[in-house]
Amino acid sequence: SSLKKIFYQAKEIKEPVKNPNQVISTRLNYQTHKQAIYTSRLLSYQNLPKPINANP
């Protein structure tokens, strides 16, 4: 079942990495448009409010 598959995938992720230099490839499930121009930008997190649960 799909629930069992998800369980075993999570179990594999939680296991410690035996070789830290190992590259793990993942499948990306999104499509891009061949004529689109994709850009990225840095996000500034300097002026964020203090988290509500930060104080005991």
PDB file of N, CA and C in Angstrom:
ATOM      1  N   SER A   1       0.836  -1.189   0.000  1.00  0.00           N
ATOM      2  CA  SER A   1       0.000   0.000   0.000  1.00  0.00           C
ATOM      3  C   SER A   1       0.875   1.244   0.000  1.00  0.00           C
ATOM      4  N   SER A   2       0.299   2.379  -0.332  1.00  0.00           N
ATOM      5  CA  SER A   2       1.067   3.615  -0.394  1.00  0.00           C
ATOM      6  C   SER A   2       1.508   4.068   0.996  1.00  0.00           C
ATOM      7  N   LEU A   3       0.723   3.757   2.022  1.00  0.00           N
ATOM      8  CA  LEU A   3       1.105   4.125   3.385  1.00  0.00           C
ATOM      9  C   LEU A   3       2.356   3.371   3.814  1.00  0.00           C
ATOM     10  N   LYS A   4       2.433   2.113   3.458  1.00  0.00           N
ATOM     11  CA  LYS A   4       3.607   1.304   3.785  1.00  0.00           C
ATOM     12  C   LYS A   4       4.838   1.844   3.051  1.00  0.00           C
ATOM     13  N   LYS A   5       4.657   2.250   1.803  1.00  0.00           N
ATOM     14  CA  LYS A   5       5.755   2.810   1.015  1.00  0.00           C
ATOM     15  C   LYS A   5       6.277   4.094   1.663  1.00  0.00           C
ATOM     16  N   ILE A   6       5.366   4.953   2.092  1.00  0.00           N
ATOM     17  CA  ILE A   6       5.752   6.205   2.755  1.00  0.00           C
ATOM     18  C   ILE A   6       6.488   5.914   4.056  1.00  0.00           C
ATOM     19  N   PHE A   7       6.027   4.913   4.805  1.00  0.00           N
ATOM     20  CA  PHE A   7       6.672   4.542   6.062  1.00  0.00           C
ATOM     21  C   PHE A   7       8.121   4.124   5.820  1.00  0.00           C
ATOM     22  N   TYR A   8       8.347   3.264   4.832  1.00  0.00           N
ATOM     23  CA  TYR A   8       9.701   2.794   4.570  1.00  0.00           C
ATOM     24  C   TYR A   8      10.591   3.897   4.010  1.00  0.00           C
ATOM     25  N   GLN A   9      10.032   4.812   3.233  1.00  0.00           N
ATOM     26  CA  GLN A   9      10.818   5.939   2.744  1.00  0.00           C
ATOM     27  C   GLN A   9      11.246   6.824   3.910  1.00  0.00           C
ATOM     28  N   ALA A  10      10.352   7.063   4.850  1.00  0.00           N
ATOM     29  CA  ALA A  10      10.687   7.879   6.018  1.00  0.00           C
ATOM     30  C   ALA A  10      11.742   7.188   6.866  1.00  0.00           C
ATOM     31  N   LYS A  11      11.644   5.881   6.987  1.00  0.00           N
ATOM     32  CA  LYS A  11      12.617   5.124   7.766  1.00  0.00           C
ATOM     33  C   LYS A  11      14.002   5.233   7.136  1.00  0.00           C
ATOM     34  N   GLU A  12      14.074   5.173   5.807  1.00  0.00           N
ATOM     35  CA  GLU A  12      15.356   5.307   5.119  1.00  0.00           C
ATOM     36  C   GLU A  12      15.947   6.695   5.321  1.00  0.00           C
ATOM     37  N   ILE A  13      15.109   7.704   5.318  1.00  0.00           N
ATOM     38  CA  ILE A  13      15.587   9.076   5.494  1.00  0.00           C
ATOM     39  C   ILE A  13      16.150   9.274   6.896  1.00  0.00           C
ATOM     40  N   LYS A  14      15.533   8.644   7.897  1.00  0.00           N
ATOM     41  CA  LYS A  14      15.972   8.811   9.280  1.00  0.00           C
ATOM     42  C   LYS A  14      17.277   8.082   9.583  1.00  0.00           C
ATOM     43  N   GLU A  15      17.631   7.079   8.780  1.00  0.00           N
ATOM     44  CA  GLU A  15      18.854   6.326   9.041  1.00  0.00           C
ATOM     45  C   GLU A  15      20.063   7.238   8.834  1.00  0.00           C
ATOM     46  N   PRO A  16      21.093   7.080   9.663  1.00  0.00           N
ATOM     47  CA  PRO A  16      22.272   7.934   9.516  1.00  0.00           C
ATOM     48  C   PRO A  16      22.965   7.676   8.177  1.00  0.00           C
ATOM     49  N   VAL A  17      23.554   8.709   7.646  1.00  0.00           N
ATOM     50  CA  VAL A  17      24.265   8.600   6.377  1.00  0.00           C
ATOM     51  C   VAL A  17      25.590   7.894   6.623  1.00  0.00           C
ATOM     52  N   LYS A  18      25.830   6.817   5.892  1.00  0.00           N
ATOM     53  CA  LYS A  18      27.062   6.052   6.071  1.00  0.00           C
ATOM     54  C   LYS A  18      28.234   6.731   5.379  1.00  0.00           C
ATOM     55  N   ASN A  19      27.980   7.384   4.256  1.00  0.00           N
ATOM     56  CA  ASN A  19      29.022   8.082   3.524  1.00  0.00           C
ATOM     57  C   ASN A  19      28.587   9.536   3.355  1.00  0.00           C
ATOM     58  N   PRO A  20      29.188  10.472   4.092  1.00  0.00           N
ATOM     59  CA  PRO A  20      28.748  11.865   4.021  1.00  0.00           C
ATOM     60  C   PRO A  20      28.974  12.502   2.651  1.00  0.00           C
ATOM     61  N   ASN A  21      29.840  11.921   1.819  1.00  0.00           N
ATOM     62  CA  ASN A  21      30.108  12.468   0.493  1.00  0.00           C
ATOM     63  C   ASN A  21      29.170  11.897  -0.567  1.00  0.00           C
ATOM     64  N   GLN A  22      28.269  11.036  -0.158  1.00  0.00           N
ATOM     65  CA  GLN A  22      27.344  10.403  -1.090  1.00  0.00           C
ATOM     66  C   GLN A  22      26.319  11.424  -1.585  1.00  0.00           C
ATOM     67  N   VAL A  23      26.091  11.420  -2.876  1.00  0.00           N
ATOM     68  CA  VAL A  23      25.105  12.311  -3.476  1.00  0.00           C
ATOM     69  C   VAL A  23      23.799  11.547  -3.614  1.00  0.00           C
ATOM     70  N   ILE A  24      22.741  12.124  -3.087  1.00  0.00           N
ATOM     71  CA  ILE A  24      21.429  11.491  -3.155  1.00  0.00           C
ATOM     72  C   ILE A  24      20.590  12.272  -4.159  1.00  0.00           C
ATOM     73  N   SER A  25      20.149  11.606  -5.196  1.00  0.00           N
ATOM     74  CA  SER A  25      19.344  12.284  -6.204  1.00  0.00           C
ATOM     75  C   SER A  25      17.864  12.086  -5.892  1.00  0.00           C
ATOM     76  N   THR A  26      17.095  13.107  -6.178  1.00  0.00           N
ATOM     77  CA  THR A  26      15.654  13.029  -5.968  1.00  0.00           C
ATOM     78  C   THR A  26      14.950  13.412  -7.260  1.00  0.00           C
ATOM     79  N   ARG A  27      13.778  12.857  -7.459  1.00  0.00           N
ATOM     80  CA  ARG A  27      12.983  13.211  -8.630  1.00  0.00           C
ATOM     81  C   ARG A  27      12.187  14.465  -8.316  1.00  0.00           C
ATOM     82  N   LEU A  28      12.218  15.391  -9.230  1.00  0.00           N
ATOM     83  CA  LEU A  28      11.446  16.610  -9.070  1.00  0.00           C
ATOM     84  C   LEU A  28      10.153  16.460  -9.855  1.00  0.00           C
ATOM     85  N   ASN A  29       9.046  16.711  -9.215  1.00  0.00           N
ATOM     86  CA  ASN A  29       7.750  16.531  -9.849  1.00  0.00           C
ATOM     87  C   ASN A  29       7.135  17.868 -10.243  1.00  0.00           C
ATOM     88  N   TYR A  30       7.828  18.616 -11.077  1.00  0.00           N
ATOM     89  CA  TYR A  30       7.247  19.841 -11.591  1.00  0.00           C
ATOM     90  C   TYR A  30       7.664  20.010 -13.040  1.00  0.00           C
ATOM     91  N   GLN A  31       6.892  20.780 -13.771  1.00  0.00           N
ATOM     92  CA  GLN A  31       7.188  21.027 -15.173  1.00  0.00           C
ATOM     93  C   GLN A  31       7.559  22.486 -15.342  1.00  0.00           C
ATOM     94  N   THR A  32       8.464  22.742 -16.276  1.00  0.00           N
ATOM     95  CA  THR A  32       8.843  24.110 -16.588  1.00  0.00           C
ATOM     96  C   THR A  32       8.420  24.416 -18.017  1.00  0.00           C
ATOM     97  N   HIS A  33       8.191  25.670 -18.279  1.00  0.00           N
ATOM     98  CA  HIS A  33       7.803  26.096 -19.619  1.00  0.00           C
ATOM     99  C   HIS A  33       9.067  26.415 -20.397  1.00  0.00           C
ATOM    100  N   LYS A  34       9.167  25.909 -21.614  1.00  0.00           N
ATOM    101  CA  LYS A  34      10.408  26.058 -22.374  1.00  0.00           C
ATOM    102  C   LYS A  34      10.699  27.502 -22.764  1.00  0.00           C
ATOM    103  N   GLN A  35       9.707  28.384 -22.780  1.00  0.00           N
ATOM    104  CA  GLN A  35       9.942  29.776 -23.151  1.00  0.00           C
ATOM    105  C   GLN A  35       9.998  30.712 -21.942  1.00  0.00           C
ATOM    106  N   ALA A  36       9.846  30.182 -20.768  1.00  0.00           N
ATOM    107  CA  ALA A  36       9.847  31.019 -19.569  1.00  0.00           C
ATOM    108  C   ALA A  36      11.273  31.307 -19.117  1.00  0.00           C
ATOM    109  N   ILE A  37      11.438  32.417 -18.435  1.00  0.00           N
ATOM    110  CA  ILE A  37      12.723  32.774 -17.836  1.00  0.00           C
ATOM    111  C   ILE A  37      12.532  32.714 -16.329  1.00  0.00           C
ATOM    112  N   TYR A  38      13.274  31.840 -15.681  1.00  0.00           N
ATOM    113  CA  TYR A  38      13.138  31.636 -14.244  1.00  0.00           C
ATOM    114  C   TYR A  38      14.281  32.348 -13.534  1.00  0.00           C
ATOM    115  N   THR A  39      13.951  33.115 -12.514  1.00  0.00           N
ATOM    116  CA  THR A  39      14.967  33.826 -11.746  1.00  0.00           C
ATOM    117  C   THR A  39      14.789  33.510 -10.268  1.00  0.00           C
ATOM    118  N   SER A  40      15.833  33.737  -9.512  1.00  0.00           N
ATOM    119  CA  SER A  40      15.752  33.554  -8.066  1.00  0.00           C
ATOM    120  C   SER A  40      16.311  34.799  -7.395  1.00  0.00           C
ATOM    121  N   ARG A  41      15.972  34.971  -6.158  1.00  0.00           N
ATOM    122  CA  ARG A  41      16.487  36.120  -5.415  1.00  0.00           C
ATOM    123  C   ARG A  41      16.696  35.724  -3.965  1.00  0.00           C
ATOM    124  N   LEU A  42      17.583  36.436  -3.311  1.00  0.00           N
ATOM    125  CA  LEU A  42      17.835  36.192  -1.898  1.00  0.00           C
ATOM    126  C   LEU A  42      16.722  36.827  -1.075  1.00  0.00           C
ATOM    127  N   LEU A  43      16.327  36.149  -0.037  1.00  0.00           N
ATOM    128  CA  LEU A  43      15.293  36.675   0.848  1.00  0.00           C
ATOM    129  C   LEU A  43      15.940  37.254   2.099  1.00  0.00           C
ATOM    130  N   SER A  44      15.456  38.391   2.539  1.00  0.00           N
ATOM    131  CA  SER A  44      15.983  39.034   3.733  1.00  0.00           C
ATOM    132  C   SER A  44      15.115  38.662   4.929  1.00  0.00           C
ATOM    133  N   TYR A  45      15.716  38.063   5.933  1.00  0.00           N
ATOM    134  CA  TYR A  45      14.996  37.648   7.135  1.00  0.00           C
ATOM    135  C   TYR A  45      15.390  38.499   8.339  1.00  0.00           C
ATOM    136  N   GLN A  46      15.858  39.702   8.125  1.00  0.00           N
ATOM    137  CA  GLN A  46      16.368  40.520   9.219  1.00  0.00           C
ATOM    138  C   GLN A  46      15.264  41.175  10.047  1.00  0.00           C
ATOM    139  N   ASN A  47      14.138  41.496   9.460  1.00  0.00           N
ATOM    140  CA  ASN A  47      13.102  42.250  10.174  1.00  0.00           C
ATOM    141  C   ASN A  47      11.905  41.393  10.561  1.00  0.00           C
ATOM    142  N   LEU A  48      12.123  40.133  10.800  1.00  0.00           N
ATOM    143  CA  LEU A  48      11.025  39.257  11.201  1.00  0.00           C
ATOM    144  C   LEU A  48      10.673  39.485  12.670  1.00  0.00           C
ATOM    145  N   PRO A  49       9.402  39.372  13.028  1.00  0.00           N
ATOM    146  CA  PRO A  49       9.040  39.486  14.442  1.00  0.00           C
ATOM    147  C   PRO A  49       9.537  38.268  15.212  1.00  0.00           C
ATOM    148  N   LYS A  50       9.695  38.436  16.517  1.00  0.00           N
ATOM    149  CA  LYS A  50      10.135  37.334  17.359  1.00  0.00           C
ATOM    150  C   LYS A  50       9.041  36.262  17.387  1.00  0.00           C
ATOM    151  N   PRO A  51       9.402  34.987  17.266  1.00  0.00           N
ATOM    152  CA  PRO A  51       8.379  33.933  17.287  1.00  0.00           C
ATOM    153  C   PRO A  51       7.581  33.944  18.586  1.00  0.00           C
ATOM    154  N   ILE A  52       6.326  33.625  18.492  1.00  0.00           N
ATOM    155  CA  ILE A  52       5.440  33.627  19.660  1.00  0.00           C
ATOM    156  C   ILE A  52       5.895  32.602  20.694  1.00  0.00           C
ATOM    157  N   ASN A  53       6.344  31.444  20.240  1.00  0.00           N
ATOM    158  CA  ASN A  53       6.740  30.387  21.171  1.00  0.00           C
ATOM    159  C   ASN A  53       8.216  30.463  21.565  1.00  0.00           C
ATOM    160  N   ALA A  54       8.879  31.605  21.335  1.00  0.00           N
ATOM    161  CA  ALA A  54      10.289  31.741  21.683  1.00  0.00           C
ATOM    162  C   ALA A  54      10.489  31.968  23.179  1.00  0.00           C
ATOM    163  N   ASN A  55       9.494  32.549  23.847  1.00  0.00           N
ATOM    164  CA  ASN A  55       9.608  32.807  25.286  1.00  0.00           C
ATOM    165  C   ASN A  55       9.002  31.649  26.070  1.00  0.00           C
ATOM    166  N   PRO A  56       9.694  31.221  27.143  1.00  0.00           N
ATOM    167  CA  PRO A  56       9.142  30.113  27.944  1.00  0.00           C
ATOM    168  C   PRO A  56       7.920  30.506  28.752  1.00  0.00           C
TER     169      PRO A  56
END
